[in-house]
Amino acid sequence: MQTAAPVVIVTQPGSGPVSQTSNWQTGMCDCFSDCGVCFCGTFCFMCLACQVASDMNECCLCGTSVAMRTLYRTRYGIPGSICDDFMVTLCCPQCSLCQIKRDINRRRAMNMF
């Protein structure tokens, strides 16, 4: 009589959606890929921040924060760190916010948002 080999569980089931590794849909300075977003980010920064926060079901005041960028990046499995998010948000908040909004628009167009 043969005995069956023990079953070894390598990964545990998760309670939420499985995060997948992806990248940003556009670069930080890819303004010409969506000029409307960049114009809005340049001339009406707080309006764009509120749009991003609304898209992510967050408070309007959080739209430009490091936490918002980190939340978005981790939600879609985009590589990076909180330190990277802090530096990008500190050095060029407009570029950071525009990149998030362009990414939201592209993921929405692909039914991935």
C-alpha atoms as a PDB file:
ATOM      1  CA  MET A   1       0.000   0.000   0.000  1.00  0.00           C
ATOM      2  CA  GLN A   2       1.402   3.379  -1.081  1.00  0.00           C
ATOM      3  CA  THR A   3       1.043   6.529   0.952  1.00  0.00           C
ATOM      4  CA  ALA A   4       0.223   9.789  -0.761  1.00  0.00           C
ATOM      5  CA  ALA A   5       2.776  12.571  -0.681  1.00  0.00           C
ATOM      6  CA  PRO A   6       1.878  15.359   1.694  1.00  0.00           C
ATOM      7  CA  VAL A   7       0.295  18.443   0.163  1.00  0.00           C
ATOM      8  CA  VAL A   8       2.452  21.519   0.616  1.00  0.00           C
ATOM      9  CA  ILE A   9       0.717  24.885   0.375  1.00  0.00           C
ATOM     10  CA  VAL A  10       3.060  27.418  -1.152  1.00  0.00           C
ATOM     11  CA  THR A  11       0.805  30.482  -1.163  1.00  0.00           C
ATOM     12  CA  GLN A  12      -2.105  31.370   1.040  1.00  0.00           C
ATOM     13  CA  PRO A  13      -5.354  32.632  -0.438  1.00  0.00           C
ATOM     14  CA  GLY A  14      -5.766  36.382  -0.091  1.00  0.00           C
ATOM     15  CA  SER A  15      -8.788  38.236   1.167  1.00  0.00           C
ATOM     16  CA  GLY A  16      -8.726  40.988  -1.458  1.00  0.00           C
ATOM     17  CA  PRO A  17      -7.982  41.394  -5.120  1.00  0.00           C
ATOM     18  CA  VAL A  18      -4.679  39.990  -6.267  1.00  0.00           C
ATOM     19  CA  SER A  19      -2.275  42.785  -7.043  1.00  0.00           C
ATOM     20  CA  GLN A  20      -0.493  42.415 -10.301  1.00  0.00           C
ATOM     21  CA  THR A  21       2.730  44.007 -11.344  1.00  0.00           C
ATOM     22  CA  SER A  22       2.371  46.738 -13.920  1.00  0.00           C
ATOM     23  CA  ASN A  23       3.952  50.056 -14.779  1.00  0.00           C
ATOM     24  CA  TRP A  24       2.789  53.621 -15.158  1.00  0.00           C
ATOM     25  CA  GLN A  25       0.885  54.044 -18.418  1.00  0.00           C
ATOM     26  CA  THR A  26       2.797  57.267 -19.141  1.00  0.00           C
ATOM     27  CA  GLY A  27       6.033  58.824 -17.935  1.00  0.00           C
ATOM     28  CA  MET A  28       6.331  61.698 -15.459  1.00  0.00           C
ATOM     29  CA  CYS A  29       6.872  64.316 -18.167  1.00  0.00           C
ATOM     30  CA  ASP A  30       4.622  62.815 -20.846  1.00  0.00           C
ATOM     31  CA  CYS A  31       2.503  65.958 -21.121  1.00  0.00           C
ATOM     32  CA  PHE A  32       1.957  65.691 -24.863  1.00  0.00           C
ATOM     33  CA  SER A  33       0.248  62.315 -24.471  1.00  0.00           C
ATOM     34  CA  ASP A  34      -2.740  64.140 -22.902  1.00  0.00           C
ATOM     35  CA  CYS A  35      -2.456  67.919 -23.134  1.00  0.00           C
ATOM     36  CA  GLY A  36      -5.847  68.495 -21.507  1.00  0.00           C
ATOM     37  CA  VAL A  37      -4.738  66.870 -18.267  1.00  0.00           C
ATOM     38  CA  CYS A  38      -1.496  68.852 -18.273  1.00  0.00           C
ATOM     39  CA  PHE A  39      -3.250  72.162 -18.925  1.00  0.00           C
ATOM     40  CA  CYS A  40      -5.635  71.405 -16.076  1.00  0.00           C
ATOM     41  CA  GLY A  41      -2.708  70.463 -13.808  1.00  0.00           C
ATOM     42  CA  THR A  42      -0.858  73.640 -14.697  1.00  0.00           C
ATOM     43  CA  PHE A  43      -3.668  76.189 -14.543  1.00  0.00           C
ATOM     44  CA  CYS A  44      -6.158  74.583 -12.146  1.00  0.00           C
ATOM     45  CA  PHE A  45      -4.086  72.300  -9.955  1.00  0.00           C
ATOM     46  CA  MET A  46      -6.662  71.945  -7.169  1.00  0.00           C
ATOM     47  CA  CYS A  47      -9.418  71.046  -9.660  1.00  0.00           C
ATOM     48  CA  LEU A  48      -7.286  68.203 -10.995  1.00  0.00           C
ATOM     49  CA  ALA A  49      -6.423  67.120  -7.450  1.00  0.00           C
ATOM     50  CA  CYS A  50     -10.120  66.898  -6.624  1.00  0.00           C
ATOM     51  CA  GLN A  51     -10.789  64.917  -9.819  1.00  0.00           C
ATOM     52  CA  VAL A  52      -8.085  62.393  -8.925  1.00  0.00           C
ATOM     53  CA  ALA A  53      -9.343  62.094  -5.352  1.00  0.00           C
ATOM     54  CA  SER A  54     -12.901  61.659  -6.594  1.00  0.00           C
ATOM     55  CA  ASP A  55     -11.799  58.992  -9.082  1.00  0.00           C
ATOM     56  CA  MET A  56     -10.235  57.088  -6.192  1.00  0.00           C
ATOM     57  CA  ASN A  57     -13.166  57.658  -3.782  1.00  0.00           C
ATOM     58  CA  GLU A  58     -10.999  59.705  -1.430  1.00  0.00           C
ATOM     59  CA  CYS A  59     -11.286  63.124   0.207  1.00  0.00           C
ATOM     60  CA  CYS A  60     -10.604  66.047  -2.134  1.00  0.00           C
ATOM     61  CA  LEU A  61      -7.899  67.363   0.191  1.00  0.00           C
ATOM     62  CA  CYS A  62      -5.874  64.147  -0.303  1.00  0.00           C
ATOM     63  CA  GLY A  63      -5.495  64.453  -4.084  1.00  0.00           C
ATOM     64  CA  THR A  64      -1.993  65.882  -4.060  1.00  0.00           C
ATOM     65  CA  SER A  65      -0.566  63.869  -1.177  1.00  0.00           C
ATOM     66  CA  VAL A  66       2.210  61.318  -1.056  1.00  0.00           C
ATOM     67  CA  ALA A  67      -0.329  58.928   0.461  1.00  0.00           C
ATOM     68  CA  MET A  68      -2.575  59.228  -2.621  1.00  0.00           C
ATOM     69  CA  ARG A  69       0.281  58.440  -4.989  1.00  0.00           C
ATOM     70  CA  THR A  70       1.380  55.513  -2.809  1.00  0.00           C
ATOM     71  CA  LEU A  71      -2.187  54.207  -2.595  1.00  0.00           C
ATOM     72  CA  TYR A  72      -2.607  54.371  -6.354  1.00  0.00           C
ATOM     73  CA  ARG A  73       0.781  52.789  -7.043  1.00  0.00           C
ATOM     74  CA  THR A  74       0.222  49.891  -4.654  1.00  0.00           C
ATOM     75  CA  ARG A  75      -3.364  49.340  -5.829  1.00  0.00           C
ATOM     76  CA  TYR A  76      -2.132  48.693  -9.375  1.00  0.00           C
ATOM     77  CA  GLY A  77       1.129  46.957  -8.483  1.00  0.00           C
ATOM     78  CA  ILE A  78       3.337  49.715  -9.863  1.00  0.00           C
ATOM     79  CA  PRO A  79       6.911  49.308  -8.582  1.00  0.00           C
ATOM     80  CA  GLY A  80       8.321  52.026  -6.352  1.00  0.00           C
ATOM     81  CA  SER A  81       8.625  53.110  -2.746  1.00  0.00           C
ATOM     82  CA  ILE A  82       7.190  55.679  -0.393  1.00  0.00           C
ATOM     83  CA  CYS A  83      10.515  57.510  -0.622  1.00  0.00           C
ATOM     84  CA  ASP A  84      10.149  57.693  -4.432  1.00  0.00           C
ATOM     85  CA  ASP A  85       6.573  58.926  -4.038  1.00  0.00           C
ATOM     86  CA  PHE A  86       7.690  61.573  -1.549  1.00  0.00           C
ATOM     87  CA  MET A  87      10.476  62.866  -3.781  1.00  0.00           C
ATOM     88  CA  VAL A  88       8.274  62.992  -6.905  1.00  0.00           C
ATOM     89  CA  THR A  89       5.478  64.755  -5.035  1.00  0.00           C
ATOM     90  CA  LEU A  90       7.897  67.194  -3.412  1.00  0.00           C
ATOM     91  CA  CYS A  91       9.925  68.048  -6.530  1.00  0.00           C
ATOM     92  CA  CYS A  92       7.115  68.283  -9.066  1.00  0.00           C
ATOM     93  CA  PRO A  93       3.599  67.958  -7.660  1.00  0.00           C
ATOM     94  CA  GLN A  94       2.027  68.974 -10.998  1.00  0.00           C
ATOM     95  CA  CYS A  95       3.864  66.239 -12.912  1.00  0.00           C
ATOM     96  CA  SER A  96       3.014  63.677 -10.249  1.00  0.00           C
ATOM     97  CA  LEU A  97      -0.679  64.544 -10.248  1.00  0.00           C
ATOM     98  CA  CYS A  98      -0.887  64.656 -14.042  1.00  0.00           C
ATOM     99  CA  GLN A  99       0.776  61.256 -14.270  1.00  0.00           C
ATOM    100  CA  ILE A 100      -1.798  59.749 -11.907  1.00  0.00           C
ATOM    101  CA  LYS A 101      -4.700  61.291 -13.828  1.00  0.00           C
ATOM    102  CA  ARG A 102      -3.350  60.124 -17.202  1.00  0.00           C
ATOM    103  CA  ASP A 103      -2.924  56.655 -15.749  1.00  0.00           C
ATOM    104  CA  ILE A 104      -6.498  56.666 -14.433  1.00  0.00           C
ATOM    105  CA  ASN A 105      -7.806  57.765 -17.836  1.00  0.00           C
ATOM    106  CA  ARG A 106      -5.865  55.069 -19.685  1.00  0.00           C
ATOM    107  CA  ARG A 107      -6.816  52.305 -17.272  1.00  0.00           C
ATOM    108  CA  ARG A 108     -10.437  53.420 -17.463  1.00  0.00           C
ATOM    109  CA  ALA A 109     -10.290  53.248 -21.286  1.00  0.00           C
ATOM    110  CA  MET A 110      -8.956  49.674 -21.008  1.00  0.00           C
ATOM    111  CA  ASN A 111     -11.652  48.770 -18.403  1.00  0.00           C
ATOM    112  CA  MET A 112      -8.939  48.194 -15.803  1.00  0.00           C
ATOM    113  CA  PHE A 113      -9.882  50.998 -13.404  1.00  0.00           C
END
